[in-house]
Protein backbone atom coordinates (compact mmCIF):
# COMPACT_ATOMS: atom_id res chain seq x y z
CA UNK A 1 0.00 0.00 0.00
CA UNK A 2 1.34 3.44 -0.96
CA UNK A 3 2.13 5.92 1.81
CA UNK A 4 -0.09 8.97 1.91
CA UNK A 5 1.80 12.23 1.43
CA UNK A 6 0.88 14.41 4.43
CA UNK A 7 3.34 17.22 3.72
CA UNK A 8 2.04 20.78 3.98
CA UNK A 9 4.09 22.09 1.05
CA UNK A 10 4.54 20.81 -2.49
CA UNK A 11 7.96 19.37 -3.26
CA UNK A 12 9.44 20.28 -6.63
CA UNK A 13 12.05 17.91 -8.09
CA UNK A 14 15.39 19.65 -8.52
CA UNK A 15 18.82 18.46 -9.67
CA UNK A 16 20.83 21.66 -9.36
CA UNK A 17 24.20 21.92 -7.64
CA UNK A 18 24.27 23.46 -4.17
CA UNK A 19 27.23 25.07 -2.38
CA UNK A 20 27.14 24.56 1.40
CA UNK A 21 29.04 26.05 4.34
CA UNK A 22 28.70 25.31 8.06
CA UNK A 23 30.67 25.17 11.29
CA UNK A 24 31.67 21.87 12.88
CA UNK A 25 31.00 21.34 16.60
CA UNK A 26 34.66 22.28 17.25
CA UNK A 27 34.05 25.66 15.51
CA UNK A 28 36.00 25.00 12.32
CA UNK A 29 34.45 26.25 9.09
CA UNK A 30 33.50 23.58 6.56
CA UNK A 31 32.55 23.84 2.89
CA UNK A 32 31.02 21.33 0.54
CA UNK A 33 28.95 20.69 -2.53
CA UNK A 34 25.74 18.83 -2.96
CA UNK A 35 23.03 18.01 -5.45
CA UNK A 36 19.51 19.17 -4.70
CA UNK A 37 16.93 16.35 -4.92
CA UNK A 38 13.82 18.40 -4.26
CA UNK A 39 12.73 21.74 -2.83
CA UNK A 40 9.64 23.21 -1.21
CA UNK A 41 8.96 26.71 0.05
CA UNK A 42 10.28 25.72 3.49
CA UNK A 43 13.08 23.25 2.75
CA UNK A 44 15.38 21.25 0.51
CA UNK A 45 16.62 17.70 0.33
CA UNK A 46 20.28 17.52 -0.71
CA UNK A 47 22.71 14.69 -1.52
CA UNK A 48 26.28 15.36 -0.37
CA UNK A 49 29.41 13.35 0.45
CA UNK A 50 29.91 15.54 3.52
CA UNK A 51 28.56 14.66 6.95
CA UNK A 52 26.72 17.63 8.42
CA UNK A 53 25.47 17.18 12.00
CA UNK A 54 21.72 17.53 12.61
CA UNK A 55 20.67 20.89 14.07
CA UNK A 56 23.65 22.62 12.40
CA UNK A 57 23.01 25.87 10.59
CA UNK A 58 24.24 26.00 7.00
CA UNK A 59 24.53 28.71 4.39
CA UNK A 60 23.64 27.51 0.94
CA UNK A 61 23.87 28.85 -2.57
CA UNK A 62 22.19 27.64 -5.76
CA UNK A 63 24.11 29.56 -8.40
CA UNK A 64 21.87 28.75 -11.39
CA UNK A 65 18.95 30.49 -9.64
CA UNK A 66 21.03 33.16 -7.87
CA UNK A 67 19.67 31.96 -4.50
CA UNK A 68 21.62 32.42 -1.28
CA UNK A 69 19.92 31.56 2.00
CA UNK A 70 20.42 29.74 5.28
CA UNK A 71 18.88 26.62 6.73
CA UNK A 72 18.95 24.23 9.67
CA UNK A 73 19.78 20.55 9.22
CA UNK A 74 16.70 18.57 10.24
CA UNK A 75 18.19 15.16 9.45
CA UNK A 76 21.20 13.52 7.81
CA UNK A 77 21.00 9.91 6.64
CA UNK A 78 23.64 7.76 5.02
CA UNK A 79 22.58 6.46 1.57
CA UNK A 80 25.35 4.44 -0.05
CA UNK A 81 28.36 6.67 -0.69
CA UNK A 82 26.46 9.89 0.07
CA UNK A 83 24.41 11.54 2.80
CA UNK A 84 20.85 12.69 2.28
CA UNK A 85 20.39 15.92 4.22
CA UNK A 86 17.04 17.55 4.97
CA UNK A 87 17.34 21.31 5.30
CA UNK A 88 14.68 23.57 6.83
CA UNK A 89 15.00 27.06 5.38
CA UNK A 90 15.17 29.97 7.80
CA UNK A 91 12.98 32.01 5.45
CA UNK A 92 10.35 30.93 2.97
CA UNK A 93 11.22 30.82 -0.70
CA UNK A 94 8.89 32.98 -2.74
CA UNK A 95 6.59 31.20 -5.17
CA UNK A 96 8.36 32.85 -8.12
CA UNK A 97 11.61 31.21 -7.06
CA UNK A 98 9.92 27.83 -6.75
CA UNK A 99 8.60 28.32 -10.27
CA UNK A 100 12.13 29.16 -11.47
CA UNK A 101 13.50 26.01 -9.82
CA UNK A 102 10.71 23.94 -11.39
CA UNK A 103 11.57 25.34 -14.83
CA UNK A 104 15.36 25.39 -14.41
CA UNK A 105 17.42 23.12 -16.63
CA UNK A 106 18.66 20.02 -14.85
CA UNK A 107 22.28 19.47 -13.98
CA UNK A 108 24.89 21.70 -12.45
PDB file of N, CA and C in Angstrom:
ATOM      1  N   UNK A   1       0.840  -1.175   0.000  1.00  0.00           N
ATOM      2  CA  UNK A   1       0.000   0.000   0.000  1.00  0.00           C
ATOM      3  C   UNK A   1       0.890   1.245   0.000  1.00  0.00           C
ATOM      4  N   UNK A   2       0.558   2.219  -0.845  1.00  0.00           N
ATOM      5  CA  UNK A   2       1.337   3.442  -0.961  1.00  0.00           C
ATOM      6  C   UNK A   2       1.130   4.318   0.275  1.00  0.00           C
ATOM      7  N   UNK A   3       2.220   4.991   0.680  1.00  0.00           N
ATOM      8  CA  UNK A   3       2.128   5.916   1.808  1.00  0.00           C
ATOM      9  C   UNK A   3       1.448   7.198   1.357  1.00  0.00           C
ATOM     10  N   UNK A   4       0.585   7.712   2.192  1.00  0.00           N
ATOM     11  CA  UNK A   4      -0.092   8.974   1.906  1.00  0.00           C
ATOM     12  C   UNK A   4       0.870  10.121   2.193  1.00  0.00           C
ATOM     13  N   UNK A   5       0.938  11.066   1.255  1.00  0.00           N
ATOM     14  CA  UNK A   5       1.796  12.227   1.433  1.00  0.00           C
ATOM     15  C   UNK A   5       1.055  13.250   2.289  1.00  0.00           C
ATOM     16  N   UNK A   6       1.555  13.492   3.504  1.00  0.00           N
ATOM     17  CA  UNK A   6       0.882  14.411   4.426  1.00  0.00           C
ATOM     18  C   UNK A   6       1.640  15.733   4.565  1.00  0.00           C
ATOM     19  N   UNK A   7       2.566  15.988   3.649  1.00  0.00           N
ATOM     20  CA  UNK A   7       3.342  17.217   3.722  1.00  0.00           C
ATOM     21  C   UNK A   7       2.455  18.430   3.473  1.00  0.00           C
ATOM     22  N   UNK A   8       2.810  19.537   4.122  1.00  0.00           N
ATOM     23  CA  UNK A   8       2.042  20.776   3.978  1.00  0.00           C
ATOM     24  C   UNK A   8       2.392  21.524   2.705  1.00  0.00           C
ATOM     25  N   UNK A   9       3.606  21.319   2.192  1.00  0.00           N
ATOM     26  CA  UNK A   9       4.089  22.090   1.053  1.00  0.00           C
ATOM     27  C   UNK A   9       4.495  21.160  -0.084  1.00  0.00           C
ATOM     28  N   UNK A  10       4.175  21.577  -1.301  1.00  0.00           N
ATOM     29  CA  UNK A  10       4.536  20.808  -2.493  1.00  0.00           C
ATOM     30  C   UNK A  10       6.051  20.716  -2.616  1.00  0.00           C
ATOM     31  N   UNK A  11       6.540  19.542  -2.984  1.00  0.00           N
ATOM     32  CA  UNK A  11       7.963  19.373  -3.259  1.00  0.00           C
ATOM     33  C   UNK A  11       8.164  19.372  -4.766  1.00  0.00           C
ATOM     34  N   UNK A  12       9.128  20.164  -5.213  1.00  0.00           N
ATOM     35  CA  UNK A  12       9.443  20.282  -6.630  1.00  0.00           C
ATOM     36  C   UNK A  12      10.760  19.560  -6.875  1.00  0.00           C
ATOM     37  N   UNK A  13      10.785  18.564  -7.784  1.00  0.00           N
ATOM     38  CA  UNK A  13      12.055  17.906  -8.089  1.00  0.00           C
ATOM     39  C   UNK A  13      13.090  18.926  -8.578  1.00  0.00           C
ATOM     40  N   UNK A  14      14.331  18.709  -8.195  1.00  0.00           N
ATOM     41  CA  UNK A  14      15.394  19.654  -8.520  1.00  0.00           C
ATOM     42  C   UNK A  14      16.702  18.878  -8.570  1.00  0.00           C
ATOM     43  N   UNK A  15      17.527  19.141  -9.568  1.00  0.00           N
ATOM     44  CA  UNK A  15      18.819  18.455  -9.667  1.00  0.00           C
ATOM     45  C   UNK A  15      19.974  19.441  -9.787  1.00  0.00           C
ATOM     46  N   UNK A  16      19.792  20.638  -9.260  1.00  0.00           N
ATOM     47  CA  UNK A  16      20.826  21.659  -9.357  1.00  0.00           C
ATOM     48  C   UNK A  16      21.894  21.477  -8.285  1.00  0.00           C
ATOM     49  N   UNK A  17      23.097  21.951  -8.593  1.00  0.00           N
ATOM     50  CA  UNK A  17      24.198  21.916  -7.638  1.00  0.00           C
ATOM     51  C   UNK A  17      23.982  22.954  -6.538  1.00  0.00           C
ATOM     52  N   UNK A  18      24.411  22.596  -5.327  1.00  0.00           N
ATOM     53  CA  UNK A  18      24.266  23.463  -4.166  1.00  0.00           C
ATOM     54  C   UNK A  18      25.627  23.593  -3.497  1.00  0.00           C
ATOM     55  N   UNK A  19      26.018  24.822  -3.165  1.00  0.00           N
ATOM     56  CA  UNK A  19      27.228  25.066  -2.381  1.00  0.00           C
ATOM     57  C   UNK A  19      26.800  25.228  -0.934  1.00  0.00           C
ATOM     58  N   UNK A  20      27.512  24.564  -0.017  1.00  0.00           N
ATOM     59  CA  UNK A  20      27.142  24.557   1.400  1.00  0.00           C
ATOM     60  C   UNK A  20      28.317  25.027   2.254  1.00  0.00           C
ATOM     61  N   UNK A  21      28.010  25.724   3.340  1.00  0.00           N
ATOM     62  CA  UNK A  21      29.037  26.047   4.337  1.00  0.00           C
ATOM     63  C   UNK A  21      28.396  25.963   5.712  1.00  0.00           C
ATOM     64  N   UNK A  22      29.183  25.486   6.695  1.00  0.00           N
ATOM     65  CA  UNK A  22      28.699  25.311   8.059  1.00  0.00           C
ATOM     66  C   UNK A  22      29.887  25.250   8.993  1.00  0.00           C
ATOM     67  N   UNK A  23      29.613  25.297  10.283  1.00  0.00           N
ATOM     68  CA  UNK A  23      30.665  25.174  11.290  1.00  0.00           C
ATOM     69  C   UNK A  23      30.525  23.827  11.976  1.00  0.00           C
ATOM     70  N   UNK A  24      31.653  23.125  12.126  1.00  0.00           N
ATOM     71  CA  UNK A  24      31.665  21.871  12.876  1.00  0.00           C
ATOM     72  C   UNK A  24      31.478  22.162  14.358  1.00  0.00           C
ATOM     73  N   UNK A  25      31.147  21.126  15.158  1.00  0.00           N
ATOM     74  CA  UNK A  25      30.999  21.341  16.601  1.00  0.00           C
ATOM     75  C   UNK A  25      32.247  21.952  17.259  1.00  0.00           C
ATOM     76  N   UNK A  26      33.434  21.701  16.677  1.00  0.00           N
ATOM     77  CA  UNK A  26      34.657  22.285  17.245  1.00  0.00           C
ATOM     78  C   UNK A  26      34.882  23.731  16.794  1.00  0.00           C
ATOM     79  N   UNK A  27      33.964  24.267  15.950  1.00  0.00           N
ATOM     80  CA  UNK A  27      34.048  25.655  15.515  1.00  0.00           C
ATOM     81  C   UNK A  27      34.752  25.876  14.195  1.00  0.00           C
ATOM     82  N   UNK A  28      35.308  24.817  13.592  1.00  0.00           N
ATOM     83  CA  UNK A  28      36.002  25.003  12.319  1.00  0.00           C
ATOM     84  C   UNK A  28      34.994  25.129  11.176  1.00  0.00           C
ATOM     85  N   UNK A  29      35.315  26.019  10.243  1.00  0.00           N
ATOM     86  CA  UNK A  29      34.446  26.248   9.093  1.00  0.00           C
ATOM     87  C   UNK A  29      34.613  25.110   8.092  1.00  0.00           C
ATOM     88  N   UNK A  30      33.506  24.666   7.535  1.00  0.00           N
ATOM     89  CA  UNK A  30      33.497  23.579   6.556  1.00  0.00           C
ATOM     90  C   UNK A  30      32.768  24.050   5.304  1.00  0.00           C
ATOM     91  N   UNK A  31      33.152  23.507   4.177  1.00  0.00           N
ATOM     92  CA  UNK A  31      32.553  23.837   2.895  1.00  0.00           C
ATOM     93  C   UNK A  31      32.343  22.552   2.110  1.00  0.00           C
ATOM     94  N   UNK A  32      31.266  22.508   1.343  1.00  0.00           N
ATOM     95  CA  UNK A  32      31.017  21.326   0.542  1.00  0.00           C
ATOM     96  C   UNK A  32      30.064  21.629  -0.594  1.00  0.00           C
ATOM     97  N   UNK A  33      29.880  20.612  -1.413  1.00  0.00           N
ATOM     98  CA  UNK A  33      28.952  20.687  -2.533  1.00  0.00           C
ATOM     99  C   UNK A  33      27.922  19.591  -2.379  1.00  0.00           C
ATOM    100  N   UNK A  34      26.780  19.833  -2.967  1.00  0.00           N
ATOM    101  CA  UNK A  34      25.737  18.831  -2.962  1.00  0.00           C
ATOM    102  C   UNK A  34      24.886  18.953  -4.209  1.00  0.00           C
ATOM    103  N   UNK A  35      23.979  18.017  -4.344  1.00  0.00           N
ATOM    104  CA  UNK A  35      23.031  18.015  -5.452  1.00  0.00           C
ATOM    105  C   UNK A  35      21.647  18.037  -4.847  1.00  0.00           C
ATOM    106  N   UNK A  36      20.865  19.051  -5.204  1.00  0.00           N
ATOM    107  CA  UNK A  36      19.508  19.174  -4.697  1.00  0.00           C
ATOM    108  C   UNK A  36      18.650  18.046  -5.283  1.00  0.00           C
ATOM    109  N   UNK A  37      17.855  17.394  -4.449  1.00  0.00           N
ATOM    110  CA  UNK A  37      16.929  16.352  -4.917  1.00  0.00           C
ATOM    111  C   UNK A  37      15.526  16.899  -5.090  1.00  0.00           C
ATOM    112  N   UNK A  38      15.105  17.728  -4.140  1.00  0.00           N
ATOM    113  CA  UNK A  38      13.815  18.404  -4.259  1.00  0.00           C
ATOM    114  C   UNK A  38      13.795  19.612  -3.340  1.00  0.00           C
ATOM    115  N   UNK A  39      12.831  20.495  -3.588  1.00  0.00           N
ATOM    116  CA  UNK A  39      12.734  21.740  -2.828  1.00  0.00           C
ATOM    117  C   UNK A  39      11.260  22.068  -2.609  1.00  0.00           C
ATOM    118  N   UNK A  40      10.977  22.675  -1.474  1.00  0.00           N
ATOM    119  CA  UNK A  40       9.638  23.215  -1.205  1.00  0.00           C
ATOM    120  C   UNK A  40       9.844  24.643  -0.716  1.00  0.00           C
ATOM    121  N   UNK A  41       8.777  25.332  -0.397  1.00  0.00           N
ATOM    122  CA  UNK A  41       8.955  26.707   0.048  1.00  0.00           C
ATOM    123  C   UNK A  41       9.579  26.790   1.431  1.00  0.00           C
ATOM    124  N   UNK A  42       9.685  25.680   2.144  1.00  0.00           N
ATOM    125  CA  UNK A  42      10.282  25.717   3.486  1.00  0.00           C
ATOM    126  C   UNK A  42      11.514  24.830   3.639  1.00  0.00           C
ATOM    127  N   UNK A  43      11.924  24.109   2.584  1.00  0.00           N
ATOM    128  CA  UNK A  43      13.083  23.251   2.753  1.00  0.00           C
ATOM    129  C   UNK A  43      13.602  22.636   1.475  1.00  0.00           C
ATOM    130  N   UNK A  44      14.738  21.949   1.611  1.00  0.00           N
ATOM    131  CA  UNK A  44      15.381  21.252   0.508  1.00  0.00           C
ATOM    132  C   UNK A  44      15.856  19.888   0.994  1.00  0.00           C
ATOM    133  N   UNK A  45      15.969  18.973   0.058  1.00  0.00           N
ATOM    134  CA  UNK A  45      16.619  17.695   0.326  1.00  0.00           C
ATOM    135  C   UNK A  45      17.829  17.649  -0.596  1.00  0.00           C
ATOM    136  N   UNK A  46      19.010  17.413  -0.002  1.00  0.00           N
ATOM    137  CA  UNK A  46      20.275  17.518  -0.715  1.00  0.00           C
ATOM    138  C   UNK A  46      21.091  16.242  -0.519  1.00  0.00           C
ATOM    139  N   UNK A  47      21.720  15.772  -1.587  1.00  0.00           N
ATOM    140  CA  UNK A  47      22.713  14.690  -1.516  1.00  0.00           C
ATOM    141  C   UNK A  47      24.089  15.318  -1.439  1.00  0.00           C
ATOM    142  N   UNK A  48      24.919  14.855  -0.505  1.00  0.00           N
ATOM    143  CA  UNK A  48      26.284  15.358  -0.371  1.00  0.00           C
ATOM    144  C   UNK A  48      27.184  14.257   0.194  1.00  0.00           C
ATOM    145  N   UNK A  49      28.465  14.313  -0.122  1.00  0.00           N
ATOM    146  CA  UNK A  49      29.405  13.349   0.446  1.00  0.00           C
ATOM    147  C   UNK A  49      29.813  13.764   1.857  1.00  0.00           C
ATOM    148  N   UNK A  50      29.529  15.013   2.208  1.00  0.00           N
ATOM    149  CA  UNK A  50      29.909  15.537   3.519  1.00  0.00           C
ATOM    150  C   UNK A  50      28.912  15.109   4.590  1.00  0.00           C
ATOM    151  N   UNK A  51      29.412  14.938   5.803  1.00  0.00           N
ATOM    152  CA  UNK A  51      28.560  14.656   6.951  1.00  0.00           C
ATOM    153  C   UNK A  51      28.333  15.973   7.689  1.00  0.00           C
ATOM    154  N   UNK A  52      27.077  16.385   7.749  1.00  0.00           N
ATOM    155  CA  UNK A  52      26.717  17.633   8.422  1.00  0.00           C
ATOM    156  C   UNK A  52      25.834  17.263   9.608  1.00  0.00           C
ATOM    157  N   UNK A  53      26.242  17.590  10.825  1.00  0.00           N
ATOM    158  CA  UNK A  53      25.474  17.175  12.002  1.00  0.00           C
ATOM    159  C   UNK A  53      24.068  17.779  12.030  1.00  0.00           C
ATOM    160  N   UNK A  54      23.067  16.985  12.434  1.00  0.00           N
ATOM    161  CA  UNK A  54      21.716  17.529  12.607  1.00  0.00           C
ATOM    162  C   UNK A  54      21.734  18.724  13.560  1.00  0.00           C
ATOM    163  N   UNK A  55      20.840  19.645  13.326  1.00  0.00           N
ATOM    164  CA  UNK A  55      20.674  20.887  14.074  1.00  0.00           C
ATOM    165  C   UNK A  55      21.730  21.939  13.727  1.00  0.00           C
ATOM    166  N   UNK A  56      22.677  21.616  12.843  1.00  0.00           N
ATOM    167  CA  UNK A  56      23.650  22.617  12.396  1.00  0.00           C
ATOM    168  C   UNK A  56      22.944  23.642  11.517  1.00  0.00           C
ATOM    169  N   UNK A  57      23.480  24.850  11.516  1.00  0.00           N
ATOM    170  CA  UNK A  57      23.007  25.867  10.585  1.00  0.00           C
ATOM    171  C   UNK A  57      23.974  25.923   9.420  1.00  0.00           C
ATOM    172  N   UNK A  58      23.428  25.966   8.211  1.00  0.00           N
ATOM    173  CA  UNK A  58      24.241  26.001   7.002  1.00  0.00           C
ATOM    174  C   UNK A  58      23.838  27.211   6.163  1.00  0.00           C
ATOM    175  N   UNK A  59      24.805  27.731   5.447  1.00  0.00           N
ATOM    176  CA  UNK A  59      24.534  28.706   4.393  1.00  0.00           C
ATOM    177  C   UNK A  59      24.565  27.924   3.100  1.00  0.00           C
ATOM    178  N   UNK A  60      23.649  28.238   2.199  1.00  0.00           N
ATOM    179  CA  UNK A  60      23.644  27.514   0.944  1.00  0.00           C
ATOM    180  C   UNK A  60      23.432  28.461  -0.215  1.00  0.00           C
ATOM    181  N   UNK A  61      23.966  28.049  -1.360  1.00  0.00           N
ATOM    182  CA  UNK A  61      23.868  28.853  -2.573  1.00  0.00           C
ATOM    183  C   UNK A  61      23.562  27.934  -3.745  1.00  0.00           C
ATOM    184  N   UNK A  62      22.508  28.301  -4.489  1.00  0.00           N
ATOM    185  CA  UNK A  62      22.193  27.639  -5.756  1.00  0.00           C
ATOM    186  C   UNK A  62      22.488  28.676  -6.828  1.00  0.00           C
ATOM    187  N   UNK A  63      23.637  28.538  -7.485  1.00  0.00           N
ATOM    188  CA  UNK A  63      24.115  29.559  -8.402  1.00  0.00           C
ATOM    189  C   UNK A  63      23.214  29.738  -9.618  1.00  0.00           C
ATOM    190  N   UNK A  64      22.705  28.658 -10.181  1.00  0.00           N
ATOM    191  CA  UNK A  64      21.870  28.749 -11.390  1.00  0.00           C
ATOM    192  C   UNK A  64      20.649  29.621 -11.181  1.00  0.00           C
ATOM    193  N   UNK A  65      20.152  29.690  -9.941  1.00  0.00           N
ATOM    194  CA  UNK A  65      18.954  30.486  -9.637  1.00  0.00           C
ATOM    195  C   UNK A  65      19.284  31.735  -8.847  1.00  0.00           C
ATOM    196  N   UNK A  66      20.581  32.005  -8.631  1.00  0.00           N
ATOM    197  CA  UNK A  66      21.029  33.157  -7.871  1.00  0.00           C
ATOM    198  C   UNK A  66      20.341  33.220  -6.504  1.00  0.00           C
ATOM    199  N   UNK A  67      20.297  32.067  -5.820  1.00  0.00           N
ATOM    200  CA  UNK A  67      19.674  31.956  -4.501  1.00  0.00           C
ATOM    201  C   UNK A  67      20.741  31.733  -3.454  1.00  0.00           C
ATOM    202  N   UNK A  68      20.769  32.605  -2.450  1.00  0.00           N
ATOM    203  CA  UNK A  68      21.617  32.421  -1.284  1.00  0.00           C
ATOM    204  C   UNK A  68      20.718  32.544  -0.064  1.00  0.00           C
ATOM    205  N   UNK A  69      20.771  31.556   0.814  1.00  0.00           N
ATOM    206  CA  UNK A  69      19.924  31.563   1.999  1.00  0.00           C
ATOM    207  C   UNK A  69      20.580  30.730   3.086  1.00  0.00           C
ATOM    208  N   UNK A  70      19.908  30.577   4.201  1.00  0.00           N
ATOM    209  CA  UNK A  70      20.423  29.736   5.280  1.00  0.00           C
ATOM    210  C   UNK A  70      19.345  28.744   5.689  1.00  0.00           C
ATOM    211  N   UNK A  71      19.793  27.692   6.354  1.00  0.00           N
ATOM    212  CA  UNK A  71      18.878  26.616   6.730  1.00  0.00           C
ATOM    213  C   UNK A  71      19.429  25.881   7.939  1.00  0.00           C
ATOM    214  N   UNK A  72      18.562  25.094   8.554  1.00  0.00           N
ATOM    215  CA  UNK A  72      18.953  24.229   9.672  1.00  0.00           C
ATOM    216  C   UNK A  72      18.836  22.789   9.213  1.00  0.00           C
ATOM    217  N   UNK A  73      19.805  21.963   9.584  1.00  0.00           N
ATOM    218  CA  UNK A  73      19.783  20.547   9.222  1.00  0.00           C
ATOM    219  C   UNK A  73      18.764  19.837  10.114  1.00  0.00           C
ATOM    220  N   UNK A  74      17.720  19.315   9.507  1.00  0.00           N
ATOM    221  CA  UNK A  74      16.698  18.568  10.238  1.00  0.00           C
ATOM    222  C   UNK A  74      17.106  17.106  10.399  1.00  0.00           C
ATOM    223  N   UNK A  75      17.721  16.539   9.358  1.00  0.00           N
ATOM    224  CA  UNK A  75      18.190  15.159   9.448  1.00  0.00           C
ATOM    225  C   UNK A  75      19.331  14.956   8.465  1.00  0.00           C
ATOM    226  N   UNK A  76      20.124  13.937   8.709  1.00  0.00           N
ATOM    227  CA  UNK A  76      21.196  13.523   7.812  1.00  0.00           C
ATOM    228  C   UNK A  76      21.254  12.003   7.870  1.00  0.00           C
ATOM    229  N   UNK A  77      21.023  11.371   6.716  1.00  0.00           N
ATOM    230  CA  UNK A  77      21.001   9.910   6.643  1.00  0.00           C
ATOM    231  C   UNK A  77      21.994   9.419   5.605  1.00  0.00           C
ATOM    232  N   UNK A  78      22.699   8.376   5.953  1.00  0.00           N
ATOM    233  CA  UNK A  78      23.635   7.757   5.019  1.00  0.00           C
ATOM    234  C   UNK A  78      22.852   6.999   3.961  1.00  0.00           C
ATOM    235  N   UNK A  79      23.213   7.170   2.688  1.00  0.00           N
ATOM    236  CA  UNK A  79      22.577   6.462   1.574  1.00  0.00           C
ATOM    237  C   UNK A  79      23.672   6.061   0.593  1.00  0.00           C
ATOM    238  N   UNK A  80      24.239   4.885   0.794  1.00  0.00           N
ATOM    239  CA  UNK A  80      25.349   4.445  -0.047  1.00  0.00           C
ATOM    240  C   UNK A  80      26.581   5.277   0.233  1.00  0.00           C
ATOM    241  N   UNK A  81      27.135   5.872  -0.823  1.00  0.00           N
ATOM    242  CA  UNK A  81      28.357   6.668  -0.687  1.00  0.00           C
ATOM    243  C   UNK A  81      28.072   8.124  -0.329  1.00  0.00           C
ATOM    244  N   UNK A  82      26.799   8.499  -0.219  1.00  0.00           N
ATOM    245  CA  UNK A  82      26.462   9.886   0.069  1.00  0.00           C
ATOM    246  C   UNK A  82      25.600  10.001   1.323  1.00  0.00           C
ATOM    247  N   UNK A  83      25.345  11.228   1.721  1.00  0.00           N
ATOM    248  CA  UNK A  83      24.412  11.541   2.796  1.00  0.00           C
ATOM    249  C   UNK A  83      23.231  12.281   2.197  1.00  0.00           C
ATOM    250  N   UNK A  84      22.047  11.951   2.654  1.00  0.00           N
ATOM    251  CA  UNK A  84      20.845  12.690   2.285  1.00  0.00           C
ATOM    252  C   UNK A  84      20.546  13.613   3.453  1.00  0.00           C
ATOM    253  N   UNK A  85      20.531  14.918   3.173  1.00  0.00           N
ATOM    254  CA  UNK A  85      20.386  15.923   4.218  1.00  0.00           C
ATOM    255  C   UNK A  85      19.090  16.700   3.983  1.00  0.00           C
ATOM    256  N   UNK A  86      18.265  16.757   5.020  1.00  0.00           N
ATOM    257  CA  UNK A  86      17.042  17.547   4.974  1.00  0.00           C
ATOM    258  C   UNK A  86      17.300  18.900   5.601  1.00  0.00           C
ATOM    259  N   UNK A  87      17.066  19.957   4.839  1.00  0.00           N
ATOM    260  CA  UNK A  87      17.336  21.313   5.300  1.00  0.00           C
ATOM    261  C   UNK A  87      16.035  22.093   5.439  1.00  0.00           C
ATOM    262  N   UNK A  88      15.834  22.703   6.596  1.00  0.00           N
ATOM    263  CA  UNK A  88      14.682  23.570   6.827  1.00  0.00           C
ATOM    264  C   UNK A  88      15.148  25.013   6.660  1.00  0.00           C
ATOM    265  N   UNK A  89      14.591  25.691   5.668  1.00  0.00           N
ATOM    266  CA  UNK A  89      15.001  27.061   5.377  1.00  0.00           C
ATOM    267  C   UNK A  89      14.628  28.001   6.518  1.00  0.00           C
ATOM    268  N   UNK A  90      15.470  28.995   6.758  1.00  0.00           N
ATOM    269  CA  UNK A  90      15.171  29.969   7.801  1.00  0.00           C
ATOM    270  C   UNK A  90      14.181  31.017   7.318  1.00  0.00           C
ATOM    271  N   UNK A  91      14.006  31.137   6.005  1.00  0.00           N
ATOM    272  CA  UNK A  91      12.976  32.009   5.453  1.00  0.00           C
ATOM    273  C   UNK A  91      12.335  31.313   4.266  1.00  0.00           C
ATOM    274  N   UNK A  92      11.065  31.586   4.051  1.00  0.00           N
ATOM    275  CA  UNK A  92      10.348  30.931   2.967  1.00  0.00           C
ATOM    276  C   UNK A  92      10.839  31.406   1.608  1.00  0.00           C
ATOM    277  N   UNK A  93      10.887  30.473   0.679  1.00  0.00           N
ATOM    278  CA  UNK A  93      11.220  30.820  -0.699  1.00  0.00           C
ATOM    279  C   UNK A  93       9.950  31.337  -1.363  1.00  0.00           C
ATOM    280  N   UNK A  94      10.059  32.436  -2.039  1.00  0.00           N
ATOM    281  CA  UNK A  94       8.893  32.978  -2.743  1.00  0.00           C
ATOM    282  C   UNK A  94       8.436  32.043  -3.847  1.00  0.00           C
ATOM    283  N   UNK A  95       7.159  32.067  -4.149  1.00  0.00           N
ATOM    284  CA  UNK A  95       6.589  31.201  -5.170  1.00  0.00           C
ATOM    285  C   UNK A  95       7.284  31.381  -6.521  1.00  0.00           C
ATOM    286  N   UNK A  96       7.675  32.606  -6.850  1.00  0.00           N
ATOM    287  CA  UNK A  96       8.358  32.846  -8.118  1.00  0.00           C
ATOM    288  C   UNK A  96       9.661  32.048  -8.197  1.00  0.00           C
ATOM    289  N   UNK A  97      10.365  31.959  -7.075  1.00  0.00           N
ATOM    290  CA  UNK A  97      11.610  31.207  -7.063  1.00  0.00           C
ATOM    291  C   UNK A  97      11.342  29.727  -7.209  1.00  0.00           C
ATOM    292  N   UNK A  98      10.295  29.225  -6.569  1.00  0.00           N
ATOM    293  CA  UNK A  98       9.919  27.828  -6.755  1.00  0.00           C
ATOM    294  C   UNK A  98       9.608  27.547  -8.217  1.00  0.00           C
ATOM    295  N   UNK A  99       8.917  28.481  -8.859  1.00  0.00           N
ATOM    296  CA  UNK A  99       8.603  28.320 -10.274  1.00  0.00           C
ATOM    297  C   UNK A  99       9.889  28.292 -11.098  1.00  0.00           C
ATOM    298  N   UNK A 100      10.857  29.150 -10.756  1.00  0.00           N
ATOM    299  CA  UNK A 100      12.131  29.163 -11.465  1.00  0.00           C
ATOM    300  C   UNK A 100      12.874  27.849 -11.288  1.00  0.00           C
ATOM    301  N   UNK A 101      12.853  27.296 -10.070  1.00  0.00           N
ATOM    302  CA  UNK A 101      13.497  26.009  -9.825  1.00  0.00           C
ATOM    303  C   UNK A 101      12.805  24.896 -10.597  1.00  0.00           C
ATOM    304  N   UNK A 102      11.486  24.967 -10.667  1.00  0.00           N
ATOM    305  CA  UNK A 102      10.715  23.944 -11.386  1.00  0.00           C
ATOM    306  C   UNK A 102      11.082  23.972 -12.868  1.00  0.00           C
ATOM    307  N   UNK A 103      11.318  25.185 -13.416  1.00  0.00           N
ATOM    308  CA  UNK A 103      11.568  25.341 -14.833  1.00  0.00           C
ATOM    309  C   UNK A 103      13.054  25.347 -15.191  1.00  0.00           C
ATOM    310  N   UNK A 104      13.914  25.309 -14.167  1.00  0.00           N
ATOM    311  CA  UNK A 104      15.362  25.385 -14.406  1.00  0.00           C
ATOM    312  C   UNK A 104      15.846  24.136 -15.124  1.00  0.00           C
ATOM    313  N   UNK A 105      16.836  24.296 -15.982  1.00  0.00           N
ATOM    314  CA  UNK A 105      17.421  23.116 -16.632  1.00  0.00           C
ATOM    315  C   UNK A 105      18.067  22.227 -15.583  1.00  0.00           C
ATOM    316  N   UNK A 106      18.054  20.943 -15.805  1.00  0.00           N
ATOM    317  CA  UNK A 106      18.656  20.024 -14.851  1.00  0.00           C
ATOM    318  C   UNK A 106      20.161  20.052 -14.978  1.00  0.00           C
ATOM    319  N   UNK A 107      20.825  19.520 -13.970  1.00  0.00           N
ATOM    320  CA  UNK A 107      22.283  19.466 -13.976  1.00  0.00           C
ATOM    321  C   UNK A 107      22.879  20.595 -13.196  1.00  0.00           C
ATOM    322  N   UNK A 108      24.188  20.685 -13.230  1.00  0.00           N
ATOM    323  CA  UNK A 108      24.895  21.701 -12.452  1.00  0.00           C
ATOM    324  C   UNK A 108      24.864  22.978 -13.178  1.00  0.00           C
TER     325      UNK A 108
END
